[in-house]
Amino acid sequence: MAKRQAILVELQEVMSQDVPYIPLWQTKDYAFAQNDLNGVVINPSQTFPFWTIKRSSNEQ
């Protein structure tokens, strides 16, 4: 058990140096976009589906 714990600690240290970002889980997700864009959403898995984004057809 102690050897396993030491391996996990080492793994976490390596991951903390090599991972490009660390997701922060919170109760609300925010996505900011220009007013003329629709369909801007963040999925619960923190993926950002670009194919849902459309420019508004309301030209002023």
Protein backbone atom coordinates (compact mmCIF):
# COMPACT_ATOMS: atom_id res chain seq x y z
CA MET A 1 0.00 0.00 0.00
CA ALA A 2 2.82 2.44 0.83
CA LYS A 3 4.56 1.71 -2.49
CA ARG A 4 1.30 2.35 -4.36
CA GLN A 5 0.85 5.65 -2.52
CA ALA A 6 4.38 6.73 -3.42
CA ILE A 7 3.75 5.91 -7.10
CA LEU A 8 0.52 7.93 -7.10
CA VAL A 9 2.27 10.92 -5.52
CA GLU A 10 5.00 10.74 -8.17
CA LEU A 11 2.40 10.45 -10.93
CA GLN A 12 0.56 13.54 -9.67
CA GLU A 13 3.80 15.52 -9.61
CA VAL A 14 4.64 14.54 -13.19
CA MET A 15 1.10 15.33 -14.36
CA SER A 16 1.15 18.74 -12.69
CA GLN A 17 4.24 19.64 -14.71
CA ASP A 18 3.07 18.24 -18.07
CA VAL A 19 -0.66 19.03 -18.19
CA PRO A 20 -1.47 22.11 -20.34
CA TYR A 21 -4.41 23.17 -18.16
CA ILE A 22 -6.29 22.06 -15.09
CA PRO A 23 -10.09 22.29 -15.28
CA LEU A 24 -11.70 23.96 -12.29
CA TRP A 25 -15.07 22.46 -11.49
CA GLN A 26 -17.61 24.89 -10.15
CA THR A 27 -21.37 25.14 -10.01
CA LYS A 28 -21.76 27.58 -12.92
CA ASP A 29 -20.12 27.66 -16.32
CA TYR A 30 -19.61 30.93 -18.18
CA ALA A 31 -19.04 31.61 -21.85
CA PHE A 32 -18.66 35.16 -23.11
CA ALA A 33 -19.40 36.12 -26.70
CA GLN A 34 -20.31 39.12 -28.81
CA ASN A 35 -23.96 40.16 -28.81
CA ASP A 36 -24.56 39.02 -32.40
CA LEU A 37 -23.60 35.37 -31.74
CA ASN A 38 -26.11 32.67 -30.83
CA GLY A 39 -25.60 29.08 -29.68
CA VAL A 40 -22.59 29.71 -27.47
CA VAL A 41 -22.63 26.95 -24.83
CA ILE A 42 -20.23 25.00 -22.64
CA ASN A 43 -21.03 21.33 -22.14
CA PRO A 44 -20.80 19.77 -18.66
CA SER A 45 -17.58 18.06 -19.78
CA GLN A 46 -16.17 21.56 -20.47
CA THR A 47 -16.09 21.04 -24.21
CA PHE A 48 -16.95 24.00 -26.38
CA PRO A 49 -18.95 22.97 -29.49
CA PHE A 50 -18.05 25.52 -32.16
CA TRP A 51 -20.55 24.04 -34.66
CA THR A 52 -23.48 25.38 -32.60
CA ILE A 53 -22.34 29.02 -32.94
CA LYS A 54 -24.20 31.12 -35.50
CA ARG A 55 -24.11 34.81 -36.26
CA SER A 56 -27.45 36.52 -35.64
CA SER A 57 -29.43 37.40 -38.77
CA ASN A 58 -30.65 40.65 -37.19
CA GLU A 59 -28.61 43.29 -38.96
CA GLN A 60 -29.11 46.84 -37.73
